[in-house]
Amino acid sequence: MASSGSGFVTRGFGTARLTPGRSGRNGVEQPEPMIAIALSDMEYLMKSARSGKNSSRYERGERQPGCTCCCHIAAAVTVMPRSATFTPQGGLSTHTLMNTSETRIAVKITCSDNTLYRVTPVYATVEPGQSLPLHIARVKNDLCKKDRLCVNMVEAEGSKEAREAFKKCTTRPATINLCLECKDDNK
């Protein structure tokens, strides 16, 4: 067994780091056993450790120190319900967008098919602790398919209007997706 001055002991089967103060038989320090782990598993463990570190702050929508993105907004905004089902004859679905953060948020709604769906409002600002009704209407069309409605959100601290906030925004907006589905009961 060869020893180096850096605290590592080289053995025939691999390398192990010595833990200071851990002694084995006869007062000689014993190496910690090594555990083999795949790189993908290590990345998952590191990611989950980082995300769980201050998860309660993310749940309240607070910005982490050094954060320059809008990731904290998605945790502070809820849209209920998260899906809407329509018939080929069209229809209207009403949803509630709620801001539980302590900052003012600008919202921009986009849709995967603007010929089938109409959304009110497209741009809006939501004050802290307030909610906003979101109306989704589907026009009459025999085409039955799944679509997506995207709620884009950025902070609107200095802007009066949501359009201005999106024009001034330099970061990628936080998003919440809603599933829009058309089902024909006759088929």
C-alpha atoms as a PDB file:
ATOM      1  CA  MET A   1       0.000   0.000   0.000  1.00  0.00           C
ATOM      2  CA  ALA A   2       1.509   3.317  -1.142  1.00  0.00           C
ATOM      3  CA  SER A   3       0.722   6.585   0.538  1.00  0.00           C
ATOM      4  CA  SER A   4       0.965  10.109  -0.809  1.00  0.00           C
ATOM      5  CA  GLY A   5       1.070  13.397   1.076  1.00  0.00           C
ATOM      6  CA  SER A   6      -2.339  14.547  -0.302  1.00  0.00           C
ATOM      7  CA  GLY A   7      -4.410  12.260   1.927  1.00  0.00           C
ATOM      8  CA  PHE A   8      -5.006   9.524  -0.672  1.00  0.00           C
ATOM      9  CA  VAL A   9      -4.043   5.889  -0.331  1.00  0.00           C
ATOM     10  CA  THR A  10      -3.445   3.918  -3.512  1.00  0.00           C
ATOM     11  CA  ARG A  11      -4.477   0.288  -3.495  1.00  0.00           C
ATOM     12  CA  GLY A  12      -4.618  -2.381  -6.140  1.00  0.00           C
ATOM     13  CA  PHE A  13      -8.400  -2.022  -6.544  1.00  0.00           C
ATOM     14  CA  GLY A  14      -8.720   1.792  -6.706  1.00  0.00           C
ATOM     15  CA  THR A  15      -8.387   4.998  -4.760  1.00  0.00           C
ATOM     16  CA  ALA A  16     -10.037   6.024  -1.538  1.00  0.00           C
ATOM     17  CA  ARG A  17     -10.012   9.286   0.397  1.00  0.00           C
ATOM     18  CA  LEU A  18      -9.099   9.134   4.037  1.00  0.00           C
ATOM     19  CA  THR A  19     -11.429  10.753   6.513  1.00  0.00           C
ATOM     20  CA  PRO A  20      -9.497  12.735   9.128  1.00  0.00           C
ATOM     21  CA  GLY A  21      -9.799  11.382  12.645  1.00  0.00           C
ATOM     22  CA  ARG A  22     -11.036   7.945  11.570  1.00  0.00           C
ATOM     23  CA  SER A  23      -8.705   5.262  12.804  1.00  0.00           C
ATOM     24  CA  GLY A  24      -8.789   1.544  12.402  1.00  0.00           C
ATOM     25  CA  ARG A  25      -6.892  -1.221  14.136  1.00  0.00           C
ATOM     26  CA  ASN A  26      -3.624  -0.293  15.823  1.00  0.00           C
ATOM     27  CA  GLY A  27      -4.329   3.473  15.424  1.00  0.00           C
ATOM     28  CA  VAL A  28      -3.729   3.388  11.655  1.00  0.00           C
ATOM     29  CA  GLU A  29      -6.153   5.480   9.574  1.00  0.00           C
ATOM     30  CA  GLN A  30      -8.398   3.399   7.318  1.00  0.00           C
ATOM     31  CA  PRO A  31      -9.704   4.582   3.921  1.00  0.00           C
ATOM     32  CA  GLU A  32     -13.420   5.155   3.286  1.00  0.00           C
ATOM     33  CA  PRO A  33     -14.793   2.610   0.821  1.00  0.00           C
ATOM     34  CA  MET A  34     -15.545   4.030  -2.646  1.00  0.00           C
ATOM     35  CA  ILE A  35     -18.997   3.794  -4.137  1.00  0.00           C
ATOM     36  CA  ALA A  36     -19.321   3.655  -7.905  1.00  0.00           C
ATOM     37  CA  ILE A  37     -22.043   5.920  -9.311  1.00  0.00           C
ATOM     38  CA  ALA A  38     -22.963   6.705 -12.895  1.00  0.00           C
ATOM     39  CA  LEU A  39     -22.444  10.253 -14.122  1.00  0.00           C
ATOM     40  CA  SER A  40     -26.143  10.623 -15.002  1.00  0.00           C
ATOM     41  CA  ASP A  41     -27.091   9.566 -11.459  1.00  0.00           C
ATOM     42  CA  MET A  42     -24.631  12.081  -9.998  1.00  0.00           C
ATOM     43  CA  GLU A  43     -26.076  14.886 -12.169  1.00  0.00           C
ATOM     44  CA  TYR A  44     -29.584  13.964 -11.002  1.00  0.00           C
ATOM     45  CA  LEU A  45     -28.512  13.989  -7.337  1.00  0.00           C
ATOM     46  CA  MET A  46     -26.800  17.369  -7.696  1.00  0.00           C
ATOM     47  CA  LYS A  47     -29.804  18.875  -9.495  1.00  0.00           C
ATOM     48  CA  SER A  48     -32.282  17.587  -6.913  1.00  0.00           C
ATOM     49  CA  ALA A  49     -30.066  18.790  -4.055  1.00  0.00           C
ATOM     50  CA  ARG A  50     -29.910  22.285  -5.578  1.00  0.00           C
ATOM     51  CA  SER A  51     -33.644  22.442  -6.293  1.00  0.00           C
ATOM     52  CA  GLY A  52     -34.610  21.270  -2.811  1.00  0.00           C
ATOM     53  CA  LYS A  53     -32.187  23.593  -1.062  1.00  0.00           C
ATOM     54  CA  ASN A  54     -34.594  26.539  -0.736  1.00  0.00           C
ATOM     55  CA  SER A  55     -37.771  25.089  -2.220  1.00  0.00           C
ATOM     56  CA  SER A  56     -40.043  26.942   0.218  1.00  0.00           C
ATOM     57  CA  ARG A  57     -38.746  30.271  -1.128  1.00  0.00           C
ATOM     58  CA  TYR A  58     -39.514  29.164  -4.701  1.00  0.00           C
ATOM     59  CA  GLU A  59     -43.016  28.146  -3.644  1.00  0.00           C
ATOM     60  CA  ARG A  60     -43.619  31.713  -2.438  1.00  0.00           C
ATOM     61  CA  GLY A  61     -42.123  33.118  -5.648  1.00  0.00           C
ATOM     62  CA  GLU A  62     -39.141  34.858  -4.057  1.00  0.00           C
ATOM     63  CA  ARG A  63     -36.063  35.601  -6.142  1.00  0.00           C
ATOM     64  CA  GLN A  64     -32.947  33.692  -5.134  1.00  0.00           C
ATOM     65  CA  PRO A  65     -29.745  35.682  -4.501  1.00  0.00           C
ATOM     66  CA  GLY A  66     -27.999  36.295  -7.812  1.00  0.00           C
ATOM     67  CA  CYS A  67     -31.013  35.217  -9.878  1.00  0.00           C
ATOM     68  CA  THR A  68     -31.386  37.196 -13.116  1.00  0.00           C
ATOM     69  CA  CYS A  69     -34.154  35.133 -14.696  1.00  0.00           C
ATOM     70  CA  CYS A  70     -37.912  34.803 -14.277  1.00  0.00           C
ATOM     71  CA  CYS A  71     -37.856  31.204 -12.968  1.00  0.00           C
ATOM     72  CA  HIS A  72     -39.301  32.260  -9.610  1.00  0.00           C
ATOM     73  CA  ILE A  73     -42.385  33.744 -11.297  1.00  0.00           C
ATOM     74  CA  ALA A  74     -43.648  30.390 -12.617  1.00  0.00           C
ATOM     75  CA  ALA A  75     -43.764  29.066  -9.060  1.00  0.00           C
ATOM     76  CA  ALA A  76     -45.729  32.114  -7.883  1.00  0.00           C
ATOM     77  CA  VAL A  77     -48.402  32.146 -10.603  1.00  0.00           C
ATOM     78  CA  THR A  78     -51.150  29.562 -10.871  1.00  0.00           C
ATOM     79  CA  VAL A  79     -53.687  28.969 -13.620  1.00  0.00           C
ATOM     80  CA  MET A  80     -56.803  27.012 -12.714  1.00  0.00           C
ATOM     81  CA  PRO A  81     -57.936  24.807 -14.418  1.00  0.00           C
ATOM     82  CA  ARG A  82     -54.882  23.763 -16.467  1.00  0.00           C
ATOM     83  CA  SER A  83     -56.828  22.359 -19.423  1.00  0.00           C
ATOM     84  CA  ALA A  84     -59.923  23.081 -21.497  1.00  0.00           C
ATOM     85  CA  THR A  85     -62.098  20.760 -23.588  1.00  0.00           C
ATOM     86  CA  PHE A  86     -64.244  21.993 -26.474  1.00  0.00           C
ATOM     87  CA  THR A  87     -66.595  20.512 -29.082  1.00  0.00           C
ATOM     88  CA  PRO A  88     -66.443  21.119 -32.853  1.00  0.00           C
ATOM     89  CA  GLN A  89     -69.360  23.557 -32.385  1.00  0.00           C
ATOM     90  CA  GLY A  90     -67.034  25.814 -30.365  1.00  0.00           C
ATOM     91  CA  GLY A  91     -67.439  27.086 -26.849  1.00  0.00           C
ATOM     92  CA  LEU A  92     -66.083  29.240 -24.065  1.00  0.00           C
ATOM     93  CA  SER A  93     -63.816  28.278 -21.168  1.00  0.00           C
ATOM     94  CA  THR A  94     -63.028  30.582 -18.243  1.00  0.00           C
ATOM     95  CA  HIS A  95     -59.842  30.198 -16.212  1.00  0.00           C
ATOM     96  CA  THR A  96     -58.336  32.088 -13.266  1.00  0.00           C
ATOM     97  CA  LEU A  97     -54.740  33.318 -13.289  1.00  0.00           C
ATOM     98  CA  MET A  98     -53.546  34.135  -9.752  1.00  0.00           C
ATOM     99  CA  ASN A  99     -50.388  36.014  -8.731  1.00  0.00           C
ATOM    100  CA  THR A 100     -49.218  34.859  -5.282  1.00  0.00           C
ATOM    101  CA  SER A 101     -45.842  36.628  -5.474  1.00  0.00           C
ATOM    102  CA  GLU A 102     -44.881  39.995  -4.016  1.00  0.00           C
ATOM    103  CA  THR A 103     -44.080  41.554  -7.410  1.00  0.00           C
ATOM    104  CA  ARG A 104     -46.223  42.890 -10.217  1.00  0.00           C
ATOM    105  CA  ILE A 105     -46.324  40.518 -13.198  1.00  0.00           C
ATOM    106  CA  ALA A 106     -46.946  41.200 -16.898  1.00  0.00           C
ATOM    107  CA  VAL A 107     -48.704  38.419 -18.820  1.00  0.00           C
ATOM    108  CA  LYS A 108     -48.784  37.698 -22.561  1.00  0.00           C
ATOM    109  CA  ILE A 109     -50.952  34.862 -23.903  1.00  0.00           C
ATOM    110  CA  THR A 110     -49.964  32.928 -27.038  1.00  0.00           C
ATOM    111  CA  CYS A 111     -51.721  30.013 -28.723  1.00  0.00           C
ATOM    112  CA  SER A 112     -50.626  27.255 -31.095  1.00  0.00           C
ATOM    113  CA  ASP A 113     -53.580  27.925 -33.454  1.00  0.00           C
ATOM    114  CA  ASN A 114     -54.849  31.506 -33.601  1.00  0.00           C
ATOM    115  CA  THR A 115     -57.433  30.664 -36.288  1.00  0.00           C
ATOM    116  CA  LEU A 116     -59.386  28.382 -33.920  1.00  0.00           C
ATOM    117  CA  TYR A 117     -59.020  30.154 -30.573  1.00  0.00           C
ATOM    118  CA  ARG A 118     -59.641  33.676 -29.255  1.00  0.00           C
ATOM    119  CA  VAL A 119     -58.194  34.702 -25.906  1.00  0.00           C
ATOM    120  CA  THR A 120     -59.130  37.647 -23.697  1.00  0.00           C
ATOM    121  CA  PRO A 121     -56.947  39.352 -22.480  1.00  0.00           C
ATOM    122  CA  VAL A 122     -53.839  38.855 -24.628  1.00  0.00           C
ATOM    123  CA  TYR A 123     -51.725  41.284 -22.573  1.00  0.00           C
ATOM    124  CA  ALA A 124     -52.379  42.069 -18.895  1.00  0.00           C
ATOM    125  CA  THR A 125     -50.670  43.029 -15.651  1.00  0.00           C
ATOM    126  CA  VAL A 126     -51.502  41.226 -12.419  1.00  0.00           C
ATOM    127  CA  GLU A 127     -50.864  42.958  -9.111  1.00  0.00           C
ATOM    128  CA  PRO A 128     -49.433  40.987  -6.147  1.00  0.00           C
ATOM    129  CA  GLY A 129     -52.089  38.835  -4.485  1.00  0.00           C
ATOM    130  CA  GLN A 130     -54.635  39.524  -7.238  1.00  0.00           C
ATOM    131  CA  SER A 131     -56.276  37.245  -9.796  1.00  0.00           C
ATOM    132  CA  LEU A 132     -57.256  37.717 -13.425  1.00  0.00           C
ATOM    133  CA  PRO A 133     -60.043  35.973 -15.373  1.00  0.00           C
ATOM    134  CA  LEU A 134     -58.788  34.374 -18.596  1.00  0.00           C
ATOM    135  CA  HIS A 135     -61.421  33.634 -21.282  1.00  0.00           C
ATOM    136  CA  ILE A 136     -60.682  31.144 -24.066  1.00  0.00           C
ATOM    137  CA  ALA A 137     -63.169  30.843 -26.930  1.00  0.00           C
ATOM    138  CA  ARG A 138     -63.080  28.263 -29.720  1.00  0.00           C
ATOM    139  CA  VAL A 139     -64.746  29.062 -33.034  1.00  0.00           C
ATOM    140  CA  LYS A 140     -66.937  26.527 -34.837  1.00  0.00           C
ATOM    141  CA  ASN A 141     -64.729  24.146 -36.829  1.00  0.00           C
ATOM    142  CA  ASP A 142     -64.930  20.406 -37.586  1.00  0.00           C
ATOM    143  CA  LEU A 143     -61.189  19.937 -37.085  1.00  0.00           C
ATOM    144  CA  CYS A 144     -60.597  18.074 -33.801  1.00  0.00           C
ATOM    145  CA  LYS A 145     -57.032  18.254 -32.502  1.00  0.00           C
ATOM    146  CA  LYS A 146     -54.993  19.106 -29.423  1.00  0.00           C
ATOM    147  CA  ASP A 147     -53.587  22.615 -29.095  1.00  0.00           C
ATOM    148  CA  ARG A 148     -51.622  24.544 -26.523  1.00  0.00           C
ATOM    149  CA  LEU A 149     -52.111  27.896 -24.842  1.00  0.00           C
ATOM    150  CA  CYS A 150     -48.981  29.453 -23.353  1.00  0.00           C
ATOM    151  CA  VAL A 151     -49.031  32.022 -20.533  1.00  0.00           C
ATOM    152  CA  ASN A 152     -45.776  34.027 -20.751  1.00  0.00           C
ATOM    153  CA  MET A 153     -44.824  36.020 -17.638  1.00  0.00           C
ATOM    154  CA  VAL A 154     -42.214  38.675 -16.781  1.00  0.00           C
ATOM    155  CA  GLU A 155     -41.821  41.137 -13.925  1.00  0.00           C
ATOM    156  CA  ALA A 156     -43.470  44.504 -14.599  1.00  0.00           C
ATOM    157  CA  GLU A 157     -41.946  46.722 -11.922  1.00  0.00           C
ATOM    158  CA  GLY A 158     -41.432  49.984 -13.823  1.00  0.00           C
ATOM    159  CA  SER A 159     -43.911  49.519 -16.662  1.00  0.00           C
ATOM    160  CA  LYS A 160     -47.527  50.588 -16.645  1.00  0.00           C
ATOM    161  CA  GLU A 161     -48.497  48.320 -19.554  1.00  0.00           C
ATOM    162  CA  ALA A 162     -47.720  44.663 -20.176  1.00  0.00           C
ATOM    163  CA  ARG A 163     -46.645  45.288 -23.795  1.00  0.00           C
ATOM    164  CA  GLU A 164     -43.945  47.679 -22.584  1.00  0.00           C
ATOM    165  CA  ALA A 165     -42.723  45.145 -20.030  1.00  0.00           C
ATOM    166  CA  PHE A 166     -42.307  42.496 -22.728  1.00  0.00           C
ATOM    167  CA  LYS A 167     -40.515  44.948 -25.047  1.00  0.00           C
ATOM    168  CA  LYS A 168     -38.097  45.969 -22.262  1.00  0.00           C
ATOM    169  CA  CYS A 169     -37.522  42.407 -21.018  1.00  0.00           C
ATOM    170  CA  THR A 170     -34.038  41.059 -21.788  1.00  0.00           C
ATOM    171  CA  THR A 171     -34.530  37.632 -20.217  1.00  0.00           C
ATOM    172  CA  ARG A 172     -36.618  34.728 -21.390  1.00  0.00           C
ATOM    173  CA  PRO A 173     -40.134  34.856 -19.905  1.00  0.00           C
ATOM    174  CA  ALA A 174     -41.421  32.173 -17.549  1.00  0.00           C
ATOM    175  CA  THR A 175     -44.193  30.056 -19.075  1.00  0.00           C
ATOM    176  CA  ILE A 176     -47.178  27.968 -18.050  1.00  0.00           C
ATOM    177  CA  ASN A 177     -48.796  25.741 -20.683  1.00  0.00           C
ATOM    178  CA  LEU A 178     -52.484  24.865 -20.869  1.00  0.00           C
ATOM    179  CA  CYS A 179     -53.846  21.942 -22.886  1.00  0.00           C
ATOM    180  CA  LEU A 180     -56.680  22.799 -25.306  1.00  0.00           C
ATOM    181  CA  GLU A 181     -58.523  19.774 -26.633  1.00  0.00           C
ATOM    182  CA  CYS A 182     -61.453  19.296 -28.998  1.00  0.00           C
ATOM    183  CA  LYS A 183     -63.546  16.148 -28.659  1.00  0.00           C
ATOM    184  CA  ASP A 184     -66.373  15.140 -30.960  1.00  0.00           C
ATOM    185  CA  ASP A 185     -68.928  13.104 -29.007  1.00  0.00           C
ATOM    186  CA  ASN A 186     -70.705  11.960 -32.199  1.00  0.00           C
ATOM    187  CA  LYS A 187     -67.734   9.944 -33.511  1.00  0.00           C
END
